[in-house]
Amino acid sequence: MEKKVETTAQIFARYQQSAASRLRYELAQQNLAKLHDLSRPLRVLDAAGGNGVNTEFLLRQGHTVTLLDSDQEMLQKAHQWLAELNLLERCQLMEGTLEGIADLLPSEQFDLILCHHALEYTGDRLHILKALQTVAAPAGELSLITLNPVSEVIRAIIFRQDPALARSKLTDLSYDAKWFGQATLYPLEQITTWAEESGWSLRDFRAIRVLADYIPEAELTSAREQELVCLEKELAGLEPYRRVGRYLQFSFQKRTLL
């Protein structure tokens, strides 16, 4: 009997049940609250927002959210889930790519834009950052999350115990995300340089999963996982730990281009 091939949306939904995913979302949402003012109603764009986990988080806080993704099945799952929660009233779902965002959406519209775990999988990063700047309202803000290449060096030693591999990761920035495809990782300085060139000013940055990945998931009890969350929340904005997190979460503000 031929084995049924899972779709990206199905694999991603399964991954979201893991401790690593729970930490990823909880810590990202904690960082959002630390890096941006969520106390007033905002017009939010969840760009490449997948099946809507962050969209749900923001809708529950009273914001108006446009969820954009290029995967139709992801959007269908988001629609079904948000409908069950009665959260569709302030939500618009749109199919489209990051590259085409400026043609899909009106300019200067959003107070806050989320672009989480997407930039490293795209082609023209500078073009995308400029496009996101175009659809941001004056003084609008961007929450950008990218994989941190520094963590790849550390993981090569801890998981593979391979100094040669770790050394290669100092310059080899390629990353195989398997079901999400090939990615290219970029250092903090490269991201901030591109953002500056695109009309964004860096406000701050925080980490996601500084130490959590180095504890086997099989050893995580519910109580231990909560202790880990508490530790990670403290490390997220603390030097020098924030520089070695699995992900970096940047807060940028739109700058008027001359």
Protein backbone atom coordinates (compact mmCIF):
# COMPACT_ATOMS: atom_id res chain seq x y z
CA MET A 1 0.00 0.00 0.00
CA GLU A 2 1.39 3.38 -1.04
CA LYS A 3 2.23 5.66 1.88
CA LYS A 4 0.28 8.91 1.85
CA VAL A 5 2.54 11.96 1.59
CA GLU A 6 1.82 14.60 4.22
CA THR A 7 1.39 18.20 3.16
CA THR A 8 3.42 21.05 4.63
CA ALA A 9 0.36 22.19 6.57
CA GLN A 10 -0.12 18.72 8.09
CA ILE A 11 3.54 18.37 9.07
CA PHE A 12 3.56 21.87 10.54
CA ALA A 13 0.40 21.19 12.57
CA ARG A 14 2.07 18.07 14.01
CA TYR A 15 5.23 20.02 14.84
CA GLN A 16 3.13 22.57 16.72
CA GLN A 17 2.31 19.88 19.28
CA SER A 18 5.98 19.59 20.32
CA ALA A 19 7.60 21.28 23.31
CA ALA A 20 9.99 23.12 20.98
CA SER A 21 7.04 24.65 19.12
CA ARG A 22 5.15 25.54 22.30
CA LEU A 23 8.24 27.35 23.58
CA ARG A 24 8.78 29.02 20.23
CA TYR A 25 5.30 30.56 20.18
CA GLU A 26 5.02 31.38 23.88
CA LEU A 27 8.40 33.10 23.95
CA ALA A 28 7.75 34.96 20.69
CA GLN A 29 4.46 36.27 22.05
CA GLN A 30 6.16 37.25 25.31
CA ASN A 31 8.76 39.14 23.27
CA LEU A 32 6.03 40.85 21.25
CA ALA A 33 4.54 42.22 24.46
CA LYS A 34 7.98 43.37 25.64
CA LEU A 35 9.08 44.94 22.36
CA HIS A 36 5.81 46.53 21.19
CA ASP A 37 2.93 48.40 22.80
CA LEU A 38 -0.02 46.03 22.53
CA SER A 39 -2.20 47.94 24.99
CA ARG A 40 -4.07 49.89 22.29
CA PRO A 41 -6.01 48.47 19.32
CA LEU A 42 -3.65 47.96 16.40
CA ARG A 43 -3.98 47.17 12.72
CA VAL A 44 -1.73 44.13 12.38
CA LEU A 45 -0.36 42.23 9.39
CA ASP A 46 0.67 38.64 10.17
CA ALA A 47 2.82 38.11 7.06
CA ALA A 48 3.49 34.47 6.19
CA GLY A 49 1.43 33.72 9.29
CA GLY A 50 0.70 30.07 8.46
CA ASN A 51 -2.27 28.54 10.27
CA GLY A 52 -2.83 31.57 12.46
CA VAL A 53 -1.38 30.87 15.92
CA ASN A 54 -0.06 34.41 16.32
CA THR A 55 -3.15 35.81 14.63
CA GLU A 56 -5.28 34.16 17.32
CA PHE A 57 -3.05 35.62 20.05
CA LEU A 58 -3.46 39.14 18.66
CA LEU A 59 -7.18 38.86 17.96
CA ARG A 60 -7.80 37.81 21.56
CA GLN A 61 -6.16 41.05 22.65
CA GLY A 62 -8.54 43.16 20.60
CA HIS A 63 -6.44 43.92 17.54
CA THR A 64 -7.53 43.78 13.89
CA VAL A 65 -5.41 41.28 11.94
CA THR A 66 -4.77 40.53 8.29
CA LEU A 67 -3.30 37.03 7.95
CA LEU A 68 -1.36 36.57 4.72
CA ASP A 69 0.12 33.25 3.58
CA SER A 70 0.95 31.58 0.28
CA ASP A 71 -0.25 28.12 1.40
CA GLN A 72 -3.96 27.71 0.75
CA GLU A 73 -4.28 24.75 3.12
CA MET A 74 -2.67 26.75 5.93
CA LEU A 75 -5.21 29.51 5.39
CA GLN A 76 -8.09 27.01 5.35
CA LYS A 77 -6.94 25.60 8.69
CA ALA A 78 -6.64 29.13 10.08
CA HIS A 79 -10.14 30.00 8.91
CA GLN A 80 -11.62 26.84 10.43
CA TRP A 81 -9.84 27.32 13.75
CA LEU A 82 -10.61 31.04 14.09
CA ALA A 83 -14.24 30.44 13.12
CA GLU A 84 -14.58 27.84 15.89
CA LEU A 85 -13.24 30.43 18.34
CA ASN A 86 -15.58 33.17 17.01
CA LEU A 87 -12.58 35.37 16.17
CA LEU A 88 -13.15 36.03 12.47
CA GLU A 89 -14.95 39.35 12.88
CA ARG A 90 -11.73 41.38 13.08
CA CYS A 91 -9.68 39.11 10.83
CA GLN A 92 -9.03 39.09 7.09
CA LEU A 93 -7.35 36.10 5.45
CA MET A 94 -5.42 36.64 2.21
CA GLU A 95 -3.48 34.31 -0.06
CA GLY A 96 -0.23 35.79 -1.32
CA THR A 97 3.56 35.91 -1.07
CA LEU A 98 5.90 38.19 0.82
CA GLU A 99 7.45 39.21 -2.50
CA GLY A 100 4.08 40.45 -3.80
CA ILE A 101 2.85 42.08 -0.62
CA ALA A 102 3.12 45.68 -1.83
CA ASP A 103 0.81 44.91 -4.77
CA LEU A 104 -1.73 43.07 -2.62
CA LEU A 105 -2.17 45.57 0.21
CA PRO A 106 -2.65 49.33 0.47
CA SER A 107 0.39 51.37 1.45
CA GLU A 108 0.87 52.83 4.95
CA GLN A 109 -1.84 50.65 6.47
CA PHE A 110 -0.46 48.59 9.37
CA ASP A 111 0.62 49.69 12.84
CA LEU A 112 2.42 46.40 13.46
CA ILE A 113 3.73 43.81 11.01
CA LEU A 114 4.81 40.30 11.99
CA CYS A 115 7.28 38.51 9.73
CA HIS A 116 8.25 35.44 11.74
CA HIS A 117 10.42 32.55 10.50
CA ALA A 118 10.06 33.51 6.83
CA LEU A 119 12.82 35.83 5.63
CA GLU A 120 15.51 33.12 5.58
CA TYR A 121 13.42 31.05 3.13
CA THR A 122 12.93 33.83 0.58
CA GLY A 123 15.02 35.14 -2.29
CA ASP A 124 15.32 38.92 -2.28
CA ARG A 125 15.41 39.84 1.42
CA LEU A 126 16.06 43.53 0.79
CA HIS A 127 13.06 43.75 -1.55
CA ILE A 128 10.79 42.11 1.03
CA LEU A 129 11.92 44.41 3.84
CA LYS A 130 11.26 47.41 1.58
CA ALA A 131 7.82 46.04 0.66
CA LEU A 132 6.93 45.57 4.32
CA GLN A 133 8.08 49.13 5.00
CA THR A 134 5.72 50.35 2.27
CA VAL A 135 2.62 48.82 3.84
CA ALA A 136 3.54 49.96 7.37
CA ALA A 137 1.77 53.03 8.72
CA PRO A 138 3.89 56.09 9.59
CA ALA A 139 5.91 55.11 12.68
CA GLY A 140 4.62 51.54 12.18
CA GLU A 141 6.63 48.70 13.69
CA LEU A 142 7.98 45.36 12.47
CA SER A 143 8.49 42.19 14.51
CA LEU A 144 10.99 40.09 12.57
CA ILE A 145 12.13 36.61 13.65
CA THR A 146 14.99 34.78 11.94
CA LEU A 147 17.06 31.68 12.66
CA ASN A 148 20.35 32.61 14.34
CA PRO A 149 23.49 31.22 12.65
CA VAL A 150 25.39 31.42 15.96
CA SER A 151 23.18 28.65 17.33
CA GLU A 152 24.18 26.35 14.47
CA VAL A 153 27.81 26.38 15.63
CA ILE A 154 26.75 25.50 19.18
CA ARG A 155 24.36 22.78 18.05
CA ALA A 156 27.10 21.11 15.95
CA ILE A 157 29.16 20.61 19.11
CA ILE A 158 26.36 19.66 21.51
CA PHE A 159 24.33 17.38 19.25
CA ARG A 160 26.99 16.07 16.85
CA GLN A 161 30.11 16.55 18.99
CA ASP A 162 31.85 17.51 15.77
CA PRO A 163 34.41 20.37 15.97
CA ALA A 164 35.00 20.30 12.21
CA LEU A 165 31.29 20.70 11.51
CA ALA A 166 31.06 23.50 14.08
CA ARG A 167 33.99 25.27 12.43
CA SER A 168 32.36 24.95 9.01
CA LYS A 169 29.21 26.58 10.39
CA LEU A 170 31.18 29.78 11.00
CA THR A 171 31.01 30.42 7.26
CA ASP A 172 28.45 27.94 5.91
CA LEU A 173 25.12 29.69 6.44
CA SER A 174 22.97 27.16 4.58
CA TYR A 175 20.30 25.31 6.52
CA ASP A 176 18.10 22.39 5.52
CA ALA A 177 14.71 22.84 7.20
CA LYS A 178 13.59 19.59 5.52
CA TRP A 179 9.82 19.98 5.02
CA PHE A 180 10.14 23.81 4.88
CA GLY A 181 12.95 23.68 2.33
CA GLN A 182 16.39 25.21 2.10
CA ALA A 183 17.16 28.34 4.07
CA THR A 184 20.05 30.76 4.34
CA LEU A 185 20.85 32.13 7.78
CA TYR A 186 22.12 35.66 8.29
CA PRO A 187 24.04 37.22 11.19
CA LEU A 188 22.41 39.87 13.34
CA GLU A 189 24.54 42.58 11.71
CA GLN A 190 23.40 41.61 8.20
CA ILE A 191 19.72 41.71 9.17
CA THR A 192 20.02 45.12 10.81
CA THR A 193 21.97 46.50 7.83
CA TRP A 194 19.30 45.35 5.36
CA ALA A 195 16.58 46.78 7.59
CA GLU A 196 18.34 50.13 7.81
CA GLU A 197 18.70 50.24 4.02
CA SER A 198 14.97 49.46 3.71
CA GLY A 199 13.79 52.30 5.93
CA TRP A 200 13.58 50.52 9.29
CA SER A 201 15.32 51.62 12.50
CA LEU A 202 16.28 48.99 15.08
CA ARG A 203 14.53 49.50 18.41
CA ASP A 204 15.69 46.36 20.22
CA PHE A 205 16.05 42.59 19.84
CA ARG A 206 15.46 39.55 22.03
CA ALA A 207 16.17 35.83 21.81
CA ILE A 208 13.95 32.77 21.58
CA ARG A 209 15.14 29.41 23.02
CA VAL A 210 18.59 30.28 24.33
CA LEU A 211 19.13 27.02 26.26
CA ALA A 212 15.89 25.09 25.86
CA ASP A 213 16.95 23.12 22.80
CA TYR A 214 19.78 21.43 24.69
CA ILE A 215 17.43 19.52 27.01
CA PRO A 216 16.01 16.38 25.34
CA GLU A 217 12.25 16.74 24.92
CA ALA A 218 11.75 13.26 26.38
CA GLU A 219 13.14 14.56 29.69
CA LEU A 220 10.72 17.48 29.89
CA THR A 221 7.90 17.04 32.37
CA SER A 222 5.12 19.63 32.41
CA ALA A 223 6.59 21.25 35.54
CA ARG A 224 10.09 21.28 34.10
CA GLU A 225 8.84 22.82 30.87
CA GLN A 226 7.28 25.69 32.81
CA GLU A 227 10.53 26.21 34.72
CA LEU A 228 12.29 26.32 31.38
CA VAL A 229 9.86 28.94 30.09
CA CYS A 230 10.58 31.11 33.14
CA LEU A 231 14.33 30.80 32.55
CA GLU A 232 13.99 31.57 28.84
CA LYS A 233 11.92 34.69 29.53
CA GLU A 234 14.74 36.00 31.71
CA LEU A 235 17.46 35.17 29.19
CA ALA A 236 15.56 36.59 26.17
CA GLY A 237 16.65 40.18 26.67
CA LEU A 238 19.79 39.62 28.74
CA GLU A 239 23.33 40.09 27.46
CA PRO A 240 25.19 38.09 26.31
CA TYR A 241 22.62 35.28 26.24
CA ARG A 242 20.25 36.93 23.80
CA ARG A 243 22.91 36.73 21.08
CA VAL A 244 23.06 32.92 21.08
CA GLY A 245 19.34 32.07 20.99
CA ARG A 246 18.00 29.65 18.40
CA TYR A 247 16.04 32.58 16.96
CA LEU A 248 16.49 36.35 17.08
CA GLN A 249 13.39 38.53 17.37
CA PHE A 250 13.93 42.10 16.16
CA SER A 251 11.79 45.15 16.79
CA PHE A 252 12.08 47.77 14.03
CA GLN A 253 10.26 51.07 13.52
CA LYS A 254 9.46 52.64 10.18
CA ARG A 255 11.66 55.56 9.25
CA THR A 256 10.64 58.20 6.73
CA LEU A 257 12.82 57.74 3.65
CA LEU A 258 14.33 60.91 2.24
